[in-house]
PDB file of N, CA and C in Angstrom:
ATOM      1  N   MET A   1       1.289  -0.550   0.085  1.00  0.00           N
ATOM      2  CA  MET A   1       0.098   0.156   0.014  1.00  0.00           C
ATOM      3  C   MET A   1       0.353   0.962   0.115  1.00  0.00           C
ATOM      4  N   SER A   2       1.056   1.495  -0.550  1.00  0.00           N
ATOM      5  CA  SER A   2       1.163   3.616  -0.921  1.00  0.00           C
ATOM      6  C   SER A   2       1.387   4.274   0.324  1.00  0.00           C
ATOM      7  N   THR A   3       1.939   5.362   0.066  1.00  0.00           N
ATOM      8  CA  THR A   3       2.320   6.146   1.648  1.00  0.00           C
ATOM      9  C   THR A   3       0.636   6.481   1.814  1.00  0.00           C
ATOM     10  N   TRP A   4      -0.071   6.965   0.562  1.00  0.00           N
ATOM     11  CA  TRP A   4      -0.808   7.891   0.011  1.00  0.00           C
ATOM     12  C   TRP A   4      -1.563   7.277   0.406  1.00  0.00           C
ATOM     13  N   ALA A   5      -2.155   5.927   0.864  1.00  0.00           N
ATOM     14  CA  ALA A   5      -3.518   5.315   0.704  1.00  0.00           C
ATOM     15  C   ALA A   5      -2.597   5.216   2.849  1.00  0.00           C
ATOM     16  N   ALA A   6      -2.518   5.016   3.089  1.00  0.00           N
ATOM     17  CA  ALA A   6      -2.045   4.341   4.043  1.00  0.00           C
ATOM     18  C   ALA A   6      -2.740   6.257   4.941  1.00  0.00           C
ATOM     19  N   ALA A   7      -1.936   6.776   3.992  1.00  0.00           N
ATOM     20  CA  ALA A   7      -1.891   8.231   5.585  1.00  0.00           C
ATOM     21  C   ALA A   7      -3.536   8.341   4.630  1.00  0.00           C
ATOM     22  N   LEU A   8      -4.497   8.423   4.082  1.00  0.00           N
ATOM     23  CA  LEU A   8      -5.681   8.459   3.628  1.00  0.00           C
ATOM     24  C   LEU A   8      -7.078   7.465   4.123  1.00  0.00           C
ATOM     25  N   VAL A   9      -6.156   6.332   4.910  1.00  0.00           N
ATOM     26  CA  VAL A   9      -6.806   5.563   5.917  1.00  0.00           C
ATOM     27  C   VAL A   9      -6.978   6.248   7.097  1.00  0.00           C
ATOM     28  N   ALA A  10      -5.463   5.750   6.976  1.00  0.00           N
ATOM     29  CA  ALA A  10      -5.732   6.657   8.715  1.00  0.00           C
ATOM     30  C   ALA A  10      -6.671   7.912   9.067  1.00  0.00           C
ATOM     31  N   ALA A  11      -7.222   9.371   8.309  1.00  0.00           N
ATOM     32  CA  ALA A  11      -7.427  10.259   7.888  1.00  0.00           C
ATOM     33  C   ALA A  11      -8.916   9.876   8.753  1.00  0.00           C
ATOM     34  N   ALA A  12      -9.494   8.968   7.283  1.00  0.00           N
ATOM     35  CA  ALA A  12     -10.288   8.443   7.550  1.00  0.00           C
ATOM     36  C   ALA A  12     -10.790   8.092   9.011  1.00  0.00           C
ATOM     37  N   ALA A  13     -10.194   6.842   9.100  1.00  0.00           N
ATOM     38  CA  ALA A  13     -10.253   6.730  10.164  1.00  0.00           C
ATOM     39  C   ALA A  13     -10.440   7.919  11.860  1.00  0.00           C
ATOM     40  N   ILE A  14      -9.379   8.032  11.765  1.00  0.00           N
ATOM     41  CA  ILE A  14      -9.690   9.739  12.649  1.00  0.00           C
ATOM     42  C   ILE A  14     -10.630  10.678  12.769  1.00  0.00           C
ATOM     43  N   GLY A  15     -11.315  10.590  11.383  1.00  0.00           N
ATOM     44  CA  GLY A  15     -12.548  11.049  11.331  1.00  0.00           C
ATOM     45  C   GLY A  15     -13.730  10.461  11.678  1.00  0.00           C
ATOM     46  N   PHE A  16     -14.560   9.468  11.607  1.00  0.00           N
ATOM     47  CA  PHE A  16     -14.637   8.219  12.372  1.00  0.00           C
ATOM     48  C   PHE A  16     -15.237   8.513  13.333  1.00  0.00           C
ATOM     49  N   THR A  17     -13.755   8.458  13.429  1.00  0.00           N
ATOM     50  CA  THR A  17     -13.801   7.901  14.926  1.00  0.00           C
ATOM     51  C   THR A  17     -14.301   9.757  16.342  1.00  0.00           C
ATOM     52  N   TYR A  18     -14.181   9.982  15.179  1.00  0.00           N
ATOM     53  CA  TYR A  18     -14.415  12.327  15.719  1.00  0.00           C
ATOM     54  C   TYR A  18     -16.410  12.655  15.275  1.00  0.00           C
ATOM     55  N   PHE A  19     -16.543  12.220  14.154  1.00  0.00           N
ATOM     56  CA  PHE A  19     -17.490  12.478  13.978  1.00  0.00           C
ATOM     57  C   PHE A  19     -18.339  10.859  14.853  1.00  0.00           C
ATOM     58  N   PHE A  20     -18.729   9.764  15.566  1.00  0.00           N
ATOM     59  CA  PHE A  20     -19.429   9.088  15.715  1.00  0.00           C
ATOM     60  C   PHE A  20     -18.840   8.855  17.064  1.00  0.00           C
ATOM     61  N   CYS A  21     -17.637   9.649  17.719  1.00  0.00           N
ATOM     62  CA  CYS A  21     -16.954   8.637  18.822  1.00  0.00           C
ATOM     63  C   CYS A  21     -16.913  10.692  20.125  1.00  0.00           C
ATOM     64  N   VAL A  22     -16.214  11.232  19.476  1.00  0.00           N
ATOM     65  CA  VAL A  22     -15.983  12.446  20.092  1.00  0.00           C
ATOM     66  C   VAL A  22     -16.954  13.631  20.336  1.00  0.00           C
ATOM     67  N   ARG A  23     -17.183  13.718  18.909  1.00  0.00           N
ATOM     68  CA  ARG A  23     -18.317  15.025  18.618  1.00  0.00           C
ATOM     69  C   ARG A  23     -19.467  14.319  19.839  1.00  0.00           C
ATOM     70  N   PRO A  24     -20.814  13.179  18.938  1.00  0.00           N
ATOM     71  CA  PRO A  24     -21.631  12.617  20.488  1.00  0.00           C
ATOM     72  C   PRO A  24     -21.945  13.575  22.119  1.00  0.00           C
ATOM     73  N   MET A  25     -20.026  12.210  22.222  1.00  0.00           N
ATOM     74  CA  MET A  25     -19.500  12.609  23.427  1.00  0.00           C
ATOM     75  C   MET A  25     -20.081  14.960  24.166  1.00  0.00           C
ATOM     76  N   MET A  26     -19.149  15.158  23.135  1.00  0.00           N
ATOM     77  CA  MET A  26     -19.297  16.883  23.454  1.00  0.00           C
ATOM     78  C   MET A  26     -21.034  17.351  23.573  1.00  0.00           C
ATOM     79  N   ARG A  27     -21.684  16.385  23.013  1.00  0.00           N
ATOM     80  CA  ARG A  27     -22.932  17.188  23.075  1.00  0.00           C
ATOM     81  C   ARG A  27     -23.494  16.596  23.782  1.00  0.00           C
ATOM     82  N   GLY A  28     -22.470  15.647  24.942  1.00  0.00           N
ATOM     83  CA  GLY A  28     -23.950  15.238  26.348  1.00  0.00           C
ATOM     84  C   GLY A  28     -24.564  14.584  26.218  1.00  0.00           C
ATOM     85  N   ARG A  29     -24.338  13.887  25.047  1.00  0.00           N
ATOM     86  CA  ARG A  29     -24.745  12.458  24.797  1.00  0.00           C
ATOM     87  C   ARG A  29     -24.204  11.308  25.706  1.00  0.00           C
ATOM     88  N   GLY A  30     -22.495  11.587  26.040  1.00  0.00           N
ATOM     89  CA  GLY A  30     -22.790  10.426  26.794  1.00  0.00           C
ATOM     90  C   GLY A  30     -21.989   9.134  26.801  1.00  0.00           C
ATOM     91  N   HIS A  31     -21.670   8.811  25.530  1.00  0.00           N
ATOM     92  CA  HIS A  31     -21.970   7.196  24.359  1.00  0.00           C
ATOM     93  C   HIS A  31     -21.610   7.872  23.366  1.00  0.00           C
ATOM     94  N   CYS A  32     -20.579   6.566  23.240  1.00  0.00           N
ATOM     95  CA  CYS A  32     -19.637   6.335  21.565  1.00  0.00           C
ATOM     96  C   CYS A  32     -20.722   6.063  20.468  1.00  0.00           C
ATOM     97  N   GLY A  33     -21.165   6.895  19.658  1.00  0.00           N
ATOM     98  CA  GLY A  33     -22.210   6.539  18.785  1.00  0.00           C
ATOM     99  C   GLY A  33     -22.208   5.001  18.598  1.00  0.00           C
ATOM    100  N   MET A  34     -20.658   4.594  17.818  1.00  0.00           N
ATOM    101  CA  MET A  34     -20.832   3.168  18.023  1.00  0.00           C
ATOM    102  C   MET A  34     -21.177   1.635  18.694  1.00  0.00           C
ATOM    103  N   SER A  35     -21.616   2.255  19.511  1.00  0.00           N
ATOM    104  CA  SER A  35     -21.244   1.264  20.846  1.00  0.00           C
ATOM    105  C   SER A  35     -22.822   0.558  21.110  1.00  0.00           C
ATOM    106  N   GLY A  36     -24.207   1.168  19.846  1.00  0.00           N
ATOM    107  CA  GLY A  36     -24.918   0.686  20.306  1.00  0.00           C
ATOM    108  C   GLY A  36     -26.284   1.770  20.651  1.00  0.00           C
ATOM    109  N   GLY A  37     -25.626   2.808  21.046  1.00  0.00           N
ATOM    110  CA  GLY A  37     -26.647   3.808  21.519  1.00  0.00           C
ATOM    111  C   GLY A  37     -27.346   3.637  23.065  1.00  0.00           C
ATOM    112  N   ALA A  38     -27.426   2.477  23.305  1.00  0.00           N
ATOM    113  CA  ALA A  38     -27.757   2.487  24.885  1.00  0.00           C
ATOM    114  C   ALA A  38     -27.791   3.555  26.055  1.00  0.00           C
ATOM    115  N   SER A  39     -28.448   3.641  26.303  1.00  0.00           N
ATOM    116  CA  SER A  39     -28.461   4.603  27.495  1.00  0.00           C
ATOM    117  C   SER A  39     -27.942   4.823  28.816  1.00  0.00           C
ATOM    118  N   ARG A  40     -27.473   5.729  29.726  1.00  0.00           N
ATOM    119  CA  ARG A  40     -26.557   5.176  30.817  1.00  0.00           C
ATOM    120  C   ARG A  40     -27.780   4.754  30.974  1.00  0.00           C
ATOM    121  N   GLU A  41     -29.247   4.717  31.684  1.00  0.00           N
ATOM    122  CA  GLU A  41     -29.776   3.875  31.888  1.00  0.00           C
ATOM    123  C   GLU A  41     -30.073   2.473  31.847  1.00  0.00           C
ATOM    124  N   GLN A  42     -30.038   2.219  30.157  1.00  0.00           N
ATOM    125  CA  GLN A  42     -29.874   0.874  29.715  1.00  0.00           C
ATOM    126  C   GLN A  42     -28.663   0.071  30.761  1.00  0.00           C
ATOM    127  N   GLN A  43     -26.960   1.023  30.898  1.00  0.00           N
ATOM    128  CA  GLN A  43     -25.900   0.586  30.548  1.00  0.00           C
ATOM    129  C   GLN A  43     -26.086  -0.426  31.970  1.00  0.00           C
ATOM    130  N   ARG A  44     -26.400   0.855  32.786  1.00  0.00           N
ATOM    131  CA  ARG A  44     -26.628   0.519  34.889  1.00  0.00           C
ATOM    132  C   ARG A  44     -27.123  -0.706  34.472  1.00  0.00           C
ATOM    133  N   GLY A  45     -28.332  -0.982  34.794  1.00  0.00           N
ATOM    134  CA  GLY A  45     -29.640  -2.120  34.526  1.00  0.00           C
ATOM    135  C   GLY A  45     -28.306  -3.090  33.622  1.00  0.00           C
ATOM    136  N   VAL A  46     -28.152  -3.117  32.951  1.00  0.00           N
ATOM    137  CA  VAL A  46     -26.873  -4.353  32.249  1.00  0.00           C
ATOM    138  C   VAL A  46     -25.143  -4.454  33.121  1.00  0.00           C
ATOM    139  N   THR A  47     -25.590  -3.272  33.778  1.00  0.00           N
ATOM    140  CA  THR A  47     -23.916  -3.849  34.658  1.00  0.00           C
ATOM    141  C   THR A  47     -25.007  -4.780  35.848  1.00  0.00           C
ATOM    142  N   LYS A  48     -25.720  -3.925  35.987  1.00  0.00           N
ATOM    143  CA  LYS A  48     -26.963  -4.418  37.703  1.00  0.00           C
ATOM    144  C   LYS A  48     -26.470  -5.975  37.412  1.00  0.00           C
ATOM    145  N   ARG A  49     -27.271  -6.341  36.541  1.00  0.00           N
ATOM    146  CA  ARG A  49     -27.397  -7.893  36.078  1.00  0.00           C
ATOM    147  C   ARG A  49     -25.829  -8.813  35.518  1.00  0.00           C
ATOM    148  N   GLU A  50     -25.395  -7.943  35.447  1.00  0.00           N
ATOM    149  CA  GLU A  50     -24.018  -8.956  34.954  1.00  0.00           C
ATOM    150  C   GLU A  50     -23.444  -8.798  36.851  1.00  0.00           C
ATOM    151  N   ILE A  51     -23.810  -8.082  37.170  1.00  0.00           N
ATOM    152  CA  ILE A  51     -23.834  -8.367  38.982  1.00  0.00           C
ATOM    153  C   ILE A  51     -24.489  -9.023  39.365  1.00  0.00           C
ATOM    154  N   ALA A  52     -25.065  -9.143  39.546  1.00  0.00           N
ATOM    155  CA  ALA A  52     -26.144 -10.122  40.208  1.00  0.00           C
ATOM    156  C   ALA A  52     -25.442 -11.950  39.292  1.00  0.00           C
ATOM    157  N   ASP A  53     -25.238 -11.630  39.054  1.00  0.00           N
ATOM    158  CA  ASP A  53     -25.096 -12.778  37.921  1.00  0.00           C
ATOM    159  C   ASP A  53     -22.952 -12.983  38.660  1.00  0.00           C
ATOM    160  N   LEU A  54     -22.769 -12.553  38.412  1.00  0.00           N
ATOM    161  CA  LEU A  54     -21.842 -13.129  39.052  1.00  0.00           C
ATOM    162  C   LEU A  54     -22.226 -13.529  40.361  1.00  0.00           C
ATOM    163  N   ARG A  55     -22.371 -12.413  41.258  1.00  0.00           N
ATOM    164  CA  ARG A  55     -22.921 -12.738  42.653  1.00  0.00           C
ATOM    165  C   ARG A  55     -23.523 -13.872  42.980  1.00  0.00           C
ATOM    166  N   GLU A  56     -23.783 -14.281  42.172  1.00  0.00           N
ATOM    167  CA  GLU A  56     -24.850 -15.750  41.829  1.00  0.00           C
ATOM    168  C   GLU A  56     -23.851 -16.819  41.471  1.00  0.00           C
ATOM    169  N   ASP A  57     -23.131 -16.692  41.084  1.00  0.00           N
ATOM    170  CA  ASP A  57     -21.771 -17.623  40.685  1.00  0.00           C
ATOM    171  C   ASP A  57     -20.418 -17.995  41.317  1.00  0.00           C
ATOM    172  N   LEU A  58     -20.775 -16.890  41.915  1.00  0.00           N
ATOM    173  CA  LEU A  58     -19.581 -16.718  43.214  1.00  0.00           C
ATOM    174  C   LEU A  58     -19.919 -18.021  44.700  1.00  0.00           C
ATOM    175  N   ARG A  59     -21.331 -17.290  44.687  1.00  0.00           N
ATOM    176  CA  ARG A  59     -22.467 -18.104  45.878  1.00  0.00           C
ATOM    177  C   ARG A  59     -22.021 -19.556  45.516  1.00  0.00           C
ATOM    178  N   ILE A  60     -22.758 -19.878  44.502  1.00  0.00           N
ATOM    179  CA  ILE A  60     -22.473 -21.305  44.020  1.00  0.00           C
ATOM    180  C   ILE A  60     -21.057 -22.202  44.310  1.00  0.00           C
ATOM    181  N   LEU A  61     -20.082 -20.987  43.766  1.00  0.00           N
ATOM    182  CA  LEU A  61     -18.693 -21.737  43.236  1.00  0.00           C
ATOM    183  C   LEU A  61     -18.090 -21.682  45.389  1.00  0.00           C
ATOM    184  N   ARG A  62     -18.839 -20.813  45.804  1.00  0.00           N
ATOM    185  CA  ARG A  62     -18.388 -21.023  47.649  1.00  0.00           C
ATOM    186  C   ARG A  62     -19.360 -22.246  48.106  1.00  0.00           C
ATOM    187  N   ALA A  63     -20.479 -23.035  47.676  1.00  0.00           N
ATOM    188  CA  ALA A  63     -20.855 -23.768  48.640  1.00  0.00           C
ATOM    189  C   ALA A  63     -20.439 -24.720  46.941  1.00  0.00           C
ATOM    190  N   GLN A  64     -20.086 -24.898  46.251  1.00  0.00           N
ATOM    191  CA  GLN A  64     -19.457 -26.395  46.009  1.00  0.00           C
ATOM    192  C   GLN A  64     -18.426 -26.580  47.255  1.00  0.00           C
ATOM    193  N   GLU A  65     -17.033 -24.833  46.781  1.00  0.00           N
ATOM    194  CA  GLU A  65     -16.567 -25.587  48.063  1.00  0.00           C
ATOM    195  C   GLU A  65     -16.458 -26.041  49.454  1.00  0.00           C
ATOM    196  N   GLN A  66     -17.588 -25.645  49.717  1.00  0.00           N
ATOM    197  CA  GLN A  66     -17.705 -26.242  51.193  1.00  0.00           C
ATOM    198  C   GLN A  66     -18.657 -27.349  50.847  1.00  0.00           C
ATOM    199  N   LEU A  67     -19.319 -28.037  49.947  1.00  0.00           N
ATOM    200  CA  LEU A  67     -19.235 -28.502  50.664  1.00  0.00           C
ATOM    201  C   LEU A  67     -18.678 -30.346  49.988  1.00  0.00           C
ATOM    202  N   ARG A  68     -17.752 -29.973  48.768  1.00  0.00           N
ATOM    203  CA  ARG A  68     -16.044 -30.361  48.615  1.00  0.00           C
ATOM    204  C   ARG A  68     -15.667 -30.738  50.642  1.00  0.00           C
ATOM    205  N   ARG A  69     -15.802 -29.317  50.431  1.00  0.00           N
ATOM    206  CA  ARG A  69     -14.545 -29.940  51.915  1.00  0.00           C
ATOM    207  C   ARG A  69     -15.628 -30.509  52.679  1.00  0.00           C
ATOM    208  N   GLN A  70     -15.951 -31.098  53.549  1.00  0.00           N
ATOM    209  CA  GLN A  70     -16.954 -31.719  54.531  1.00  0.00           C
ATOM    210  C   GLN A  70     -17.223 -33.336  53.723  1.00  0.00           C
ATOM    211  N   ALA A  71     -17.145 -32.771  52.416  1.00  0.00           N
ATOM    212  CA  ALA A  71     -17.730 -35.065  52.032  1.00  0.00           C
ATOM    213  C   ALA A  71     -16.334 -35.368  52.240  1.00  0.00           C
ATOM    214  N   PRO A  72     -16.592 -36.816  53.076  1.00  0.00           N
ATOM    215  CA  PRO A  72     -15.686 -38.190  52.997  1.00  0.00           C
ATOM    216  C   PRO A  72     -14.969 -38.153  51.988  1.00  0.00           C
ATOM    217  N   PRO A  73     -13.653 -38.301  52.669  1.00  0.00           N
ATOM    218  CA  PRO A  73     -12.493 -38.798  51.126  1.00  0.00           C
ATOM    219  C   PRO A  73     -12.953 -40.312  50.369  1.00  0.00           C
ATOM    220  N   SER A  74     -12.375 -40.188  49.734  1.00  0.00           N
ATOM    221  CA  SER A  74     -13.323 -41.539  49.074  1.00  0.00           C
ATOM    222  C   SER A  74     -11.836 -42.610  49.709  1.00  0.00           C
ATOM    223  N   ALA A  75     -12.411 -43.572  48.869  1.00  0.00           N
ATOM    224  CA  ALA A  75     -11.317 -45.006  49.026  1.00  0.00           C
ATOM    225  C   ALA A  75     -10.516 -45.040  47.562  1.00  0.00           C
ATOM    226  N   ASP A  76     -10.971 -43.660  46.849  1.00  0.00           N
ATOM    227  CA  ASP A  76     -10.284 -43.693  45.304  1.00  0.00           C
ATOM    228  C   ASP A  76      -9.053 -43.521  45.958  1.00  0.00           C
ATOM    229  N   GLY A  77      -9.089 -42.308  46.923  1.00  0.00           N
ATOM    230  CA  GLY A  77      -7.968 -41.967  47.312  1.00  0.00           C
ATOM    231  C   GLY A  77      -8.245 -40.346  46.857  1.00  0.00           C
TER     232      GLY A  77
END
């Protein structure tokens, strides 16, 4: 690829980033236009669901560990 073509691709990438991410954030929308347009409330809801799912996974893992420690040793070793 020639130097001019590479420079043109880089300039286009910078332009798209500015118009679809930087400019909307400066206008107070608060999110990148390429991120799907989820509002802050929607993002918070997703984050809260993910945290709840991770806490549930952690609870299950702790319960399994507790059961494993309480189980008598098997005859197989």
